[in-house]
């Protein structure tokens, strides 16, 4: 594995940041680390703790604030600390993507076929990202091998700055609807 993603936000921010910082220091030079705050912080908390995450080696930070808080996303994106801010829950539709692009409110879109409403709508959100010079990350929901394969296919056709994928859905399921599960490599 070359990319690890940790979800935080359930504990106090200082505890989460200390925990992530220890992991990030151990991974440096071996793998990259993405953090998903899952909308757990307000704007002030994010402004306070994101620089510490970046200093420890975290390069991509997903949805640090509530999905409605586009102003906070915009402020965090404008901070020249080297962190890439990724919108997830904030970017569900093409219209959301246009709003974020116009506001310069993120560096990366998290693309999820189920969230966007299918393969074609995912490509439309990705087209906004490409036109606005916003990167993309191939996200996942709890999908079977069929859903993950469909995501892999659409992601493989996209242009623009790619920041990895997380097509682990089938690995979390007890059972799948296919005879042979999708192979996860690279």
N, C-alpha and C. Protein backbone atom coordinates (compact mmCIF):
# COMPACT_ATOMS: atom_id res chain seq x y z
N UNK A 1 0.84 -1.19 0.00
CA UNK A 1 0.00 0.00 0.00
C UNK A 1 0.89 1.25 0.00
N UNK A 2 0.46 2.22 -0.80
CA UNK A 2 1.23 3.47 -0.90
C UNK A 2 0.47 4.67 -0.34
N UNK A 3 -0.81 4.49 -0.09
CA UNK A 3 -1.65 5.57 0.43
C UNK A 3 -2.45 5.02 1.61
N UNK A 4 -2.43 5.74 2.72
CA UNK A 4 -3.25 5.37 3.86
C UNK A 4 -4.20 6.53 4.16
N UNK A 5 -5.39 6.19 4.61
CA UNK A 5 -6.39 7.20 4.95
C UNK A 5 -6.92 6.88 6.34
N UNK A 6 -6.92 7.89 7.19
CA UNK A 6 -7.40 7.74 8.55
C UNK A 6 -8.57 8.68 8.76
N UNK A 7 -9.64 8.15 9.30
CA UNK A 7 -10.80 8.97 9.64
C UNK A 7 -10.65 9.41 11.09
N UNK A 8 -10.81 10.72 11.31
CA UNK A 8 -10.71 11.26 12.67
C UNK A 8 -11.94 12.12 12.94
N UNK A 9 -12.01 12.65 14.14
CA UNK A 9 -13.09 13.56 14.49
C UNK A 9 -13.93 13.09 15.66
N UNK A 10 -13.78 11.84 16.09
CA UNK A 10 -14.58 11.35 17.21
C UNK A 10 -13.98 11.76 18.55
N UNK A 11 -12.66 11.95 18.59
CA UNK A 11 -11.99 12.35 19.82
C UNK A 11 -11.75 13.85 19.82
N UNK A 12 -11.17 14.34 20.87
CA UNK A 12 -10.79 15.74 20.92
C UNK A 12 -9.75 16.01 19.83
N UNK A 13 -9.80 17.18 19.20
CA UNK A 13 -8.87 17.47 18.10
C UNK A 13 -7.40 17.27 18.47
N UNK A 14 -6.99 17.71 19.64
CA UNK A 14 -5.58 17.56 20.04
C UNK A 14 -5.17 16.09 20.10
N UNK A 15 -6.07 15.23 20.60
CA UNK A 15 -5.79 13.79 20.65
C UNK A 15 -5.67 13.21 19.25
N UNK A 16 -6.62 13.55 18.39
CA UNK A 16 -6.58 13.06 17.01
C UNK A 16 -5.31 13.50 16.30
N UNK A 17 -4.94 14.76 16.46
CA UNK A 17 -3.76 15.29 15.77
C UNK A 17 -2.49 14.62 16.30
N UNK A 18 -2.40 14.40 17.59
CA UNK A 18 -1.22 13.73 18.14
C UNK A 18 -1.12 12.30 17.60
N UNK A 19 -2.24 11.60 17.56
CA UNK A 19 -2.28 10.23 17.05
C UNK A 19 -1.85 10.18 15.58
N UNK A 20 -2.45 11.05 14.76
CA UNK A 20 -2.13 11.09 13.33
C UNK A 20 -0.68 11.49 13.11
N UNK A 21 -0.20 12.43 13.89
CA UNK A 21 1.18 12.90 13.72
C UNK A 21 2.18 11.77 13.96
N UNK A 22 1.92 10.93 14.96
CA UNK A 22 2.82 9.79 15.20
C UNK A 22 2.83 8.85 13.99
N UNK A 23 1.68 8.58 13.45
CA UNK A 23 1.58 7.69 12.28
C UNK A 23 2.24 8.32 11.07
N UNK A 24 1.98 9.60 10.83
CA UNK A 24 2.54 10.30 9.66
C UNK A 24 4.06 10.29 9.70
N UNK A 25 4.64 10.52 10.86
CA UNK A 25 6.11 10.52 10.96
C UNK A 25 6.68 9.13 10.63
N UNK A 26 5.99 8.07 11.03
CA UNK A 26 6.47 6.72 10.74
C UNK A 26 6.34 6.37 9.25
N UNK A 27 5.36 6.96 8.58
CA UNK A 27 5.13 6.65 7.16
C UNK A 27 5.98 7.49 6.21
N UNK A 28 6.56 8.57 6.69
CA UNK A 28 7.26 9.49 5.78
C UNK A 28 8.29 8.76 4.94
N UNK A 29 8.21 9.05 3.64
CA UNK A 29 9.12 8.44 2.69
C UNK A 29 8.68 7.07 2.20
N UNK A 30 7.68 6.48 2.85
CA UNK A 30 7.22 5.14 2.48
C UNK A 30 5.82 5.15 1.87
N UNK A 31 4.97 6.05 2.34
CA UNK A 31 3.59 6.12 1.87
C UNK A 31 3.04 7.50 2.20
N UNK A 32 1.97 7.87 1.51
CA UNK A 32 1.33 9.15 1.81
C UNK A 32 0.15 8.90 2.75
N UNK A 33 -0.24 9.97 3.45
CA UNK A 33 -1.30 9.86 4.43
C UNK A 33 -2.36 10.91 4.15
N UNK A 34 -3.60 10.45 4.06
CA UNK A 34 -4.77 11.30 3.90
C UNK A 34 -5.58 11.22 5.17
N UNK A 35 -6.12 12.35 5.58
CA UNK A 35 -6.95 12.41 6.78
C UNK A 35 -8.35 12.84 6.38
N UNK A 36 -9.35 12.13 6.89
CA UNK A 36 -10.75 12.51 6.69
C UNK A 36 -11.31 12.92 8.05
N UNK A 37 -11.58 14.22 8.19
CA UNK A 37 -12.11 14.74 9.45
C UNK A 37 -13.62 14.51 9.53
N UNK A 38 -14.24 14.15 8.43
CA UNK A 38 -15.67 13.82 8.39
C UNK A 38 -16.55 14.93 8.96
N UNK A 39 -16.24 16.18 8.60
CA UNK A 39 -17.05 17.33 8.97
C UNK A 39 -17.07 17.60 10.47
N UNK A 40 -16.13 17.06 11.22
CA UNK A 40 -16.20 17.12 12.68
C UNK A 40 -15.76 18.45 13.28
N UNK A 41 -15.01 19.25 12.53
CA UNK A 41 -14.46 20.49 13.10
C UNK A 41 -15.20 21.71 12.57
N UNK A 42 -15.19 22.76 13.37
CA UNK A 42 -15.64 24.06 12.86
C UNK A 42 -14.44 24.75 12.22
N UNK A 43 -14.67 25.90 11.64
CA UNK A 43 -13.60 26.60 10.92
C UNK A 43 -12.42 26.96 11.81
N UNK A 44 -12.68 27.44 13.01
CA UNK A 44 -11.59 27.83 13.91
C UNK A 44 -10.76 26.63 14.34
N UNK A 45 -11.41 25.52 14.62
CA UNK A 45 -10.68 24.31 15.00
C UNK A 45 -9.81 23.85 13.84
N UNK A 46 -10.35 23.87 12.64
CA UNK A 46 -9.57 23.46 11.47
C UNK A 46 -8.37 24.38 11.26
N UNK A 47 -8.58 25.68 11.36
CA UNK A 47 -7.45 26.62 11.20
C UNK A 47 -6.37 26.39 12.25
N UNK A 48 -6.78 25.98 13.43
CA UNK A 48 -5.81 25.74 14.51
C UNK A 48 -5.02 24.45 14.30
N UNK A 49 -5.69 23.36 13.90
CA UNK A 49 -5.05 22.06 13.89
C UNK A 49 -4.51 21.60 12.54
N UNK A 50 -5.02 22.11 11.44
CA UNK A 50 -4.51 21.65 10.14
C UNK A 50 -3.02 21.92 9.95
N UNK A 51 -2.50 23.07 10.38
CA UNK A 51 -1.05 23.26 10.22
C UNK A 51 -0.22 22.20 10.95
N UNK A 52 -0.70 21.70 12.08
CA UNK A 52 0.03 20.65 12.79
C UNK A 52 0.00 19.34 11.99
N UNK A 53 -1.12 19.04 11.37
CA UNK A 53 -1.21 17.85 10.53
C UNK A 53 -0.25 17.94 9.35
N UNK A 54 -0.24 19.11 8.72
CA UNK A 54 0.65 19.32 7.57
C UNK A 54 2.11 19.20 7.99
N UNK A 55 2.45 19.81 9.12
CA UNK A 55 3.84 19.76 9.61
C UNK A 55 4.28 18.32 9.88
N UNK A 56 3.35 17.45 10.23
CA UNK A 56 3.71 16.06 10.51
C UNK A 56 3.81 15.21 9.24
N UNK A 57 3.35 15.76 8.11
CA UNK A 57 3.48 15.03 6.85
C UNK A 57 2.19 14.66 6.17
N UNK A 58 1.05 15.10 6.69
CA UNK A 58 -0.23 14.83 6.04
C UNK A 58 -0.36 15.74 4.83
N UNK A 59 -0.68 15.18 3.67
CA UNK A 59 -0.73 15.97 2.46
C UNK A 59 -2.12 16.28 1.95
N UNK A 60 -3.11 15.47 2.31
CA UNK A 60 -4.47 15.63 1.80
C UNK A 60 -5.44 15.53 2.97
N UNK A 61 -6.30 16.54 3.11
CA UNK A 61 -7.22 16.61 4.24
C UNK A 61 -8.64 16.70 3.70
N UNK A 62 -9.43 15.67 4.00
CA UNK A 62 -10.79 15.56 3.47
C UNK A 62 -11.81 16.15 4.44
N UNK A 63 -12.68 16.96 3.89
CA UNK A 63 -13.86 17.53 4.54
C UNK A 63 -13.64 17.85 6.02
N UNK A 64 -12.75 18.81 6.31
CA UNK A 64 -12.50 19.13 7.71
C UNK A 64 -13.66 19.83 8.41
N UNK A 65 -14.54 20.47 7.66
CA UNK A 65 -15.66 21.22 8.23
C UNK A 65 -16.97 20.74 7.64
N UNK A 66 -18.07 21.19 8.22
CA UNK A 66 -19.41 20.79 7.76
C UNK A 66 -19.60 21.09 6.28
N UNK A 67 -20.40 20.27 5.62
CA UNK A 67 -20.59 20.39 4.18
C UNK A 67 -21.14 21.75 3.77
N UNK A 68 -21.90 22.39 4.62
CA UNK A 68 -22.49 23.70 4.30
C UNK A 68 -21.49 24.84 4.48
N UNK A 69 -20.36 24.58 5.13
CA UNK A 69 -19.43 25.65 5.48
C UNK A 69 -18.40 25.89 4.37
N UNK A 70 -18.91 26.34 3.23
CA UNK A 70 -18.06 26.59 2.07
C UNK A 70 -17.07 27.73 2.37
N UNK A 71 -17.48 28.70 3.15
CA UNK A 71 -16.57 29.81 3.50
C UNK A 71 -15.34 29.31 4.24
N UNK A 72 -15.53 28.40 5.18
CA UNK A 72 -14.38 27.83 5.91
C UNK A 72 -13.50 27.03 4.96
N UNK A 73 -14.11 26.22 4.07
CA UNK A 73 -13.32 25.48 3.08
C UNK A 73 -12.50 26.44 2.23
N UNK A 74 -13.12 27.52 1.82
CA UNK A 74 -12.43 28.52 1.00
C UNK A 74 -11.24 29.11 1.76
N UNK A 75 -11.43 29.45 3.01
CA UNK A 75 -10.34 30.00 3.81
C UNK A 75 -9.20 29.01 4.01
N UNK A 76 -9.54 27.75 4.25
CA UNK A 76 -8.51 26.73 4.43
C UNK A 76 -7.76 26.46 3.14
N UNK A 77 -8.46 26.52 2.03
CA UNK A 77 -7.85 26.31 0.73
C UNK A 77 -6.88 27.44 0.39
N UNK A 78 -7.18 28.64 0.83
CA UNK A 78 -6.34 29.81 0.55
C UNK A 78 -5.10 29.86 1.43
N UNK A 79 -5.05 29.06 2.47
CA UNK A 79 -3.90 29.07 3.39
C UNK A 79 -2.70 28.44 2.71
N UNK A 80 -1.59 29.16 2.64
CA UNK A 80 -0.41 28.64 1.93
C UNK A 80 0.46 27.72 2.79
N UNK A 81 -0.13 26.68 3.39
CA UNK A 81 0.64 25.81 4.27
C UNK A 81 1.02 24.48 3.62
N UNK A 82 0.63 24.29 2.38
CA UNK A 82 0.98 23.06 1.68
C UNK A 82 -0.06 21.97 1.76
N UNK A 83 -1.12 22.16 2.53
CA UNK A 83 -2.16 21.14 2.62
C UNK A 83 -3.10 21.23 1.43
N UNK A 84 -3.49 20.09 0.93
CA UNK A 84 -4.54 20.04 -0.08
C UNK A 84 -5.85 19.75 0.63
N UNK A 85 -6.85 20.58 0.39
CA UNK A 85 -8.16 20.41 1.00
C UNK A 85 -9.08 19.70 0.00
N UNK A 86 -9.68 18.60 0.46
CA UNK A 86 -10.56 17.81 -0.40
C UNK A 86 -12.00 17.94 0.08
N UNK A 87 -12.88 18.28 -0.86
CA UNK A 87 -14.31 18.32 -0.58
C UNK A 87 -14.90 16.95 -0.86
N UNK A 88 -15.72 16.47 0.05
CA UNK A 88 -16.43 15.20 -0.16
C UNK A 88 -17.93 15.44 -0.05
N UNK A 89 -18.44 15.55 1.15
CA UNK A 89 -19.88 15.75 1.33
C UNK A 89 -20.37 17.05 0.70
N UNK A 90 -19.48 18.01 0.50
CA UNK A 90 -19.85 19.29 -0.09
C UNK A 90 -20.05 19.19 -1.60
N UNK A 91 -19.50 18.17 -2.24
CA UNK A 91 -19.58 18.08 -3.70
C UNK A 91 -20.34 16.82 -4.12
N UNK A 92 -21.67 16.96 -4.18
CA UNK A 92 -22.53 15.84 -4.58
C UNK A 92 -23.01 15.98 -6.02
N UNK A 93 -23.25 17.20 -6.46
CA UNK A 93 -23.82 17.43 -7.79
C UNK A 93 -22.88 18.29 -8.64
N UNK A 94 -23.22 18.40 -9.92
CA UNK A 94 -22.47 19.29 -10.81
C UNK A 94 -22.58 20.73 -10.31
N UNK A 95 -23.75 21.09 -9.81
CA UNK A 95 -23.95 22.44 -9.29
C UNK A 95 -23.07 22.70 -8.07
N UNK A 96 -22.93 21.71 -7.18
CA UNK A 96 -22.02 21.84 -6.05
C UNK A 96 -20.59 22.04 -6.55
N UNK A 97 -20.21 21.26 -7.54
CA UNK A 97 -18.86 21.35 -8.10
C UNK A 97 -18.60 22.75 -8.68
N UNK A 98 -19.59 23.29 -9.37
CA UNK A 98 -19.45 24.64 -9.93
C UNK A 98 -19.30 25.68 -8.83
N UNK A 99 -20.09 25.57 -7.77
CA UNK A 99 -20.00 26.50 -6.65
C UNK A 99 -18.61 26.45 -6.03
N UNK A 100 -18.12 25.26 -5.75
CA UNK A 100 -16.79 25.12 -5.14
C UNK A 100 -15.70 25.66 -6.07
N UNK A 101 -15.83 25.41 -7.35
CA UNK A 101 -14.85 25.91 -8.32
C UNK A 101 -14.86 27.44 -8.36
N UNK A 102 -16.04 28.03 -8.44
CA UNK A 102 -16.15 29.50 -8.48
C UNK A 102 -15.61 30.14 -7.22
N UNK A 103 -15.79 29.48 -6.08
CA UNK A 103 -15.36 30.03 -4.79
C UNK A 103 -13.90 29.69 -4.46
N UNK A 104 -13.25 28.90 -5.31
CA UNK A 104 -11.90 28.41 -4.99
C UNK A 104 -11.88 27.80 -3.60
N UNK A 105 -12.84 26.91 -3.35
CA UNK A 105 -13.07 26.40 -2.00
C UNK A 105 -12.49 25.02 -1.73
N UNK A 106 -11.71 24.48 -2.64
CA UNK A 106 -11.02 23.21 -2.39
C UNK A 106 -9.97 23.00 -3.48
N UNK A 107 -9.06 22.08 -3.20
CA UNK A 107 -8.04 21.70 -4.18
C UNK A 107 -8.40 20.40 -4.90
N UNK A 108 -9.24 19.57 -4.25
CA UNK A 108 -9.52 18.23 -4.74
C UNK A 108 -11.00 17.91 -4.50
N UNK A 109 -11.62 17.21 -5.46
CA UNK A 109 -12.97 16.67 -5.29
C UNK A 109 -12.85 15.18 -4.98
N UNK A 110 -13.59 14.70 -4.00
CA UNK A 110 -13.74 13.26 -3.78
C UNK A 110 -14.89 12.80 -4.67
N UNK A 111 -14.58 11.96 -5.63
CA UNK A 111 -15.58 11.44 -6.56
C UNK A 111 -16.09 10.09 -6.08
N UNK A 112 -17.41 9.96 -6.04
CA UNK A 112 -18.04 8.70 -5.65
C UNK A 112 -19.25 8.49 -6.56
N UNK A 113 -19.23 7.39 -7.28
CA UNK A 113 -20.29 7.12 -8.25
C UNK A 113 -21.66 7.11 -7.58
N UNK A 114 -21.79 6.47 -6.44
CA UNK A 114 -23.08 6.41 -5.75
C UNK A 114 -23.52 7.79 -5.27
N UNK A 115 -22.58 8.59 -4.78
CA UNK A 115 -22.90 9.93 -4.28
C UNK A 115 -23.34 10.85 -5.41
N UNK A 116 -22.71 10.75 -6.56
CA UNK A 116 -23.03 11.64 -7.67
C UNK A 116 -24.24 11.17 -8.47
N UNK A 117 -24.66 9.94 -8.28
CA UNK A 117 -25.85 9.46 -8.98
C UNK A 117 -25.56 8.72 -10.26
N UNK A 118 -24.42 8.08 -10.35
CA UNK A 118 -24.12 7.26 -11.52
C UNK A 118 -22.84 7.65 -12.22
N UNK A 119 -22.50 6.86 -13.22
CA UNK A 119 -21.24 7.03 -13.96
C UNK A 119 -21.21 8.34 -14.74
N UNK A 120 -22.29 8.66 -15.42
CA UNK A 120 -22.32 9.87 -16.25
C UNK A 120 -22.23 11.12 -15.38
N UNK A 121 -22.98 11.14 -14.30
CA UNK A 121 -22.92 12.32 -13.41
C UNK A 121 -21.55 12.45 -12.76
N UNK A 122 -20.91 11.33 -12.45
CA UNK A 122 -19.55 11.39 -11.90
C UNK A 122 -18.60 12.02 -12.91
N UNK A 123 -18.74 11.63 -14.18
CA UNK A 123 -17.90 12.22 -15.22
C UNK A 123 -18.16 13.73 -15.35
N UNK A 124 -19.41 14.15 -15.17
CA UNK A 124 -19.72 15.58 -15.25
C UNK A 124 -19.07 16.36 -14.11
N UNK A 125 -19.11 15.81 -12.90
CA UNK A 125 -18.43 16.47 -11.77
C UNK A 125 -16.93 16.51 -12.04
N UNK A 126 -16.38 15.42 -12.57
CA UNK A 126 -14.95 15.38 -12.89
C UNK A 126 -14.59 16.39 -13.98
N UNK A 127 -15.50 16.62 -14.92
CA UNK A 127 -15.25 17.61 -15.97
C UNK A 127 -15.16 19.02 -15.39
N UNK A 128 -15.98 19.32 -14.40
CA UNK A 128 -15.87 20.62 -13.72
C UNK A 128 -14.52 20.72 -13.03
N UNK A 129 -14.11 19.65 -12.37
CA UNK A 129 -12.80 19.64 -11.71
C UNK A 129 -11.68 19.92 -12.71
N UNK A 130 -11.72 19.23 -13.84
CA UNK A 130 -10.68 19.42 -14.85
C UNK A 130 -10.68 20.85 -15.37
N UNK A 131 -11.85 21.38 -15.66
CA UNK A 131 -11.95 22.75 -16.20
C UNK A 131 -11.48 23.79 -15.20
N UNK A 132 -11.66 23.52 -13.92
CA UNK A 132 -11.30 24.49 -12.87
C UNK A 132 -9.92 24.22 -12.28
N UNK A 133 -9.17 23.26 -12.82
CA UNK A 133 -7.86 22.89 -12.32
C UNK A 133 -7.94 22.40 -10.87
N UNK A 134 -8.97 21.62 -10.60
CA UNK A 134 -9.15 20.99 -9.29
C UNK A 134 -8.84 19.51 -9.47
N UNK A 135 -8.09 18.95 -8.55
CA UNK A 135 -7.75 17.54 -8.63
C UNK A 135 -8.93 16.66 -8.24
N UNK A 136 -8.75 15.36 -8.35
CA UNK A 136 -9.79 14.43 -7.96
C UNK A 136 -9.20 13.21 -7.27
N UNK A 137 -10.04 12.62 -6.45
CA UNK A 137 -9.70 11.43 -5.68
C UNK A 137 -10.83 10.44 -5.87
N UNK A 138 -10.52 9.20 -6.18
CA UNK A 138 -11.55 8.19 -6.41
C UNK A 138 -12.04 7.58 -5.11
N UNK A 139 -13.17 8.05 -4.65
CA UNK A 139 -13.73 7.57 -3.39
C UNK A 139 -14.61 6.35 -3.58
N UNK A 140 -15.13 5.85 -2.47
CA UNK A 140 -15.97 4.66 -2.50
C UNK A 140 -17.02 4.73 -1.40
N UNK A 141 -18.06 3.99 -1.60
CA UNK A 141 -19.06 3.73 -0.57
C UNK A 141 -18.92 2.24 -0.24
N UNK A 142 -19.79 1.70 0.56
CA UNK A 142 -19.75 0.25 0.80
C UNK A 142 -20.39 -0.44 -0.40
N UNK A 143 -19.55 -0.75 -1.38
CA UNK A 143 -20.02 -1.28 -2.65
C UNK A 143 -19.55 -2.71 -2.84
N UNK A 144 -20.29 -3.45 -3.61
CA UNK A 144 -19.87 -4.79 -4.00
C UNK A 144 -18.74 -4.68 -5.03
N UNK A 145 -18.26 -5.81 -5.46
CA UNK A 145 -17.24 -5.82 -6.51
C UNK A 145 -17.76 -5.16 -7.79
N UNK A 146 -19.05 -5.30 -8.07
CA UNK A 146 -19.61 -4.67 -9.28
C UNK A 146 -19.53 -3.15 -9.19
N UNK A 147 -19.93 -2.59 -8.06
CA UNK A 147 -19.87 -1.15 -7.88
C UNK A 147 -18.45 -0.63 -7.92
N UNK A 148 -17.54 -1.35 -7.28
CA UNK A 148 -16.14 -0.94 -7.28
C UNK A 148 -15.52 -1.05 -8.67
N UNK A 149 -15.88 -2.10 -9.41
CA UNK A 149 -15.37 -2.24 -10.78
C UNK A 149 -15.89 -1.10 -11.66
N UNK A 150 -17.15 -0.74 -11.50
CA UNK A 150 -17.70 0.38 -12.27
C UNK A 150 -16.96 1.67 -11.94
N UNK A 151 -16.68 1.89 -10.65
CA UNK A 151 -15.92 3.08 -10.25
C UNK A 151 -14.52 3.06 -10.85
N UNK A 152 -13.86 1.92 -10.78
CA UNK A 152 -12.51 1.82 -11.34
C UNK A 152 -12.53 2.13 -12.83
N UNK A 153 -13.54 1.66 -13.53
CA UNK A 153 -13.64 1.92 -14.96
C UNK A 153 -13.81 3.41 -15.24
N UNK A 154 -14.71 4.07 -14.54
CA UNK A 154 -14.92 5.49 -14.81
C UNK A 154 -13.69 6.31 -14.38
N UNK A 155 -13.09 5.97 -13.25
CA UNK A 155 -11.91 6.71 -12.80
C UNK A 155 -10.76 6.58 -13.79
N UNK A 156 -10.64 5.41 -14.44
CA UNK A 156 -9.54 5.20 -15.38
C UNK A 156 -9.68 6.05 -16.64
N UNK A 157 -10.85 6.64 -16.85
CA UNK A 157 -11.07 7.46 -18.05
C UNK A 157 -10.89 8.95 -17.80
N UNK A 158 -10.64 9.34 -16.55
CA UNK A 158 -10.63 10.75 -16.20
C UNK A 158 -9.26 11.40 -16.38
N UNK A 159 -9.30 12.65 -16.81
CA UNK A 159 -8.08 13.45 -16.93
C UNK A 159 -7.91 14.27 -15.65
N UNK A 160 -6.86 15.04 -15.63
CA UNK A 160 -6.65 15.94 -14.50
C UNK A 160 -5.77 15.33 -13.42
N UNK A 161 -5.58 16.10 -12.38
CA UNK A 161 -4.70 15.70 -11.28
C UNK A 161 -5.37 14.63 -10.43
N UNK A 162 -4.78 13.47 -10.40
CA UNK A 162 -5.29 12.29 -9.70
C UNK A 162 -4.58 12.19 -8.35
N UNK A 163 -5.35 12.01 -7.28
CA UNK A 163 -4.77 11.93 -5.94
C UNK A 163 -5.04 10.59 -5.27
N UNK A 164 -5.22 9.54 -6.06
CA UNK A 164 -5.41 8.21 -5.51
C UNK A 164 -6.85 7.75 -5.54
N UNK A 165 -7.04 6.51 -5.13
CA UNK A 165 -8.36 5.88 -5.07
C UNK A 165 -8.45 5.02 -3.82
N UNK A 166 -9.68 4.74 -3.43
CA UNK A 166 -9.91 3.88 -2.26
C UNK A 166 -11.04 2.90 -2.54
N UNK A 167 -10.85 2.03 -3.46
CA UNK A 167 -11.91 1.11 -3.85
C UNK A 167 -11.88 -0.15 -2.98
N UNK A 168 -12.06 0.04 -1.69
CA UNK A 168 -11.98 -1.06 -0.74
C UNK A 168 -13.33 -1.63 -0.35
N UNK A 169 -14.41 -1.12 -0.91
CA UNK A 169 -15.75 -1.54 -0.53
C UNK A 169 -15.94 -3.04 -0.38
N UNK A 170 -15.57 -3.84 -1.39
CA UNK A 170 -15.78 -5.30 -1.28
C UNK A 170 -15.00 -5.94 -0.13
N UNK A 171 -13.89 -5.34 0.27
CA UNK A 171 -13.09 -5.91 1.35
C UNK A 171 -13.81 -5.82 2.70
N UNK A 172 -14.78 -4.92 2.81
CA UNK A 172 -15.49 -4.74 4.07
C UNK A 172 -16.77 -5.57 4.15
N UNK A 173 -17.15 -6.19 3.05
CA UNK A 173 -18.39 -6.97 3.02
C UNK A 173 -18.14 -8.42 3.40
N UNK A 174 -19.05 -8.99 4.13
CA UNK A 174 -18.95 -10.40 4.48
C UNK A 174 -19.14 -11.27 3.26
N UNK A 175 -20.05 -10.84 2.37
CA UNK A 175 -20.34 -11.61 1.17
C UNK A 175 -20.47 -10.64 0.00
N UNK A 176 -20.33 -11.15 -1.20
CA UNK A 176 -20.40 -10.34 -2.41
C UNK A 176 -21.32 -11.06 -3.39
N UNK A 177 -21.75 -10.38 -4.41
CA UNK A 177 -22.68 -10.99 -5.37
C UNK A 177 -21.97 -11.61 -6.57
N UNK A 178 -20.65 -11.64 -6.54
CA UNK A 178 -19.89 -12.21 -7.65
C UNK A 178 -19.24 -13.51 -7.20
N UNK A 179 -18.90 -14.35 -8.17
CA UNK A 179 -18.21 -15.59 -7.84
C UNK A 179 -16.74 -15.33 -7.51
N UNK A 180 -16.14 -14.38 -8.22
CA UNK A 180 -14.74 -14.04 -7.98
C UNK A 180 -14.66 -12.55 -7.69
N UNK A 181 -14.17 -12.21 -6.49
CA UNK A 181 -14.10 -10.80 -6.10
C UNK A 181 -13.06 -10.06 -6.94
N UNK A 182 -13.29 -8.78 -7.07
CA UNK A 182 -12.38 -7.90 -7.80
C UNK A 182 -11.00 -7.92 -7.12
N UNK A 183 -9.99 -8.05 -7.91
CA UNK A 183 -8.63 -8.03 -7.41
C UNK A 183 -8.20 -6.60 -7.14
N UNK A 184 -7.66 -6.34 -5.95
CA UNK A 184 -7.20 -5.00 -5.58
C UNK A 184 -5.67 -5.00 -5.59
N UNK A 185 -5.09 -4.27 -6.54
CA UNK A 185 -3.65 -4.14 -6.64
C UNK A 185 -3.30 -2.69 -6.98
N UNK A 186 -2.14 -2.25 -6.57
CA UNK A 186 -1.64 -0.90 -6.86
C UNK A 186 -2.66 0.17 -6.55
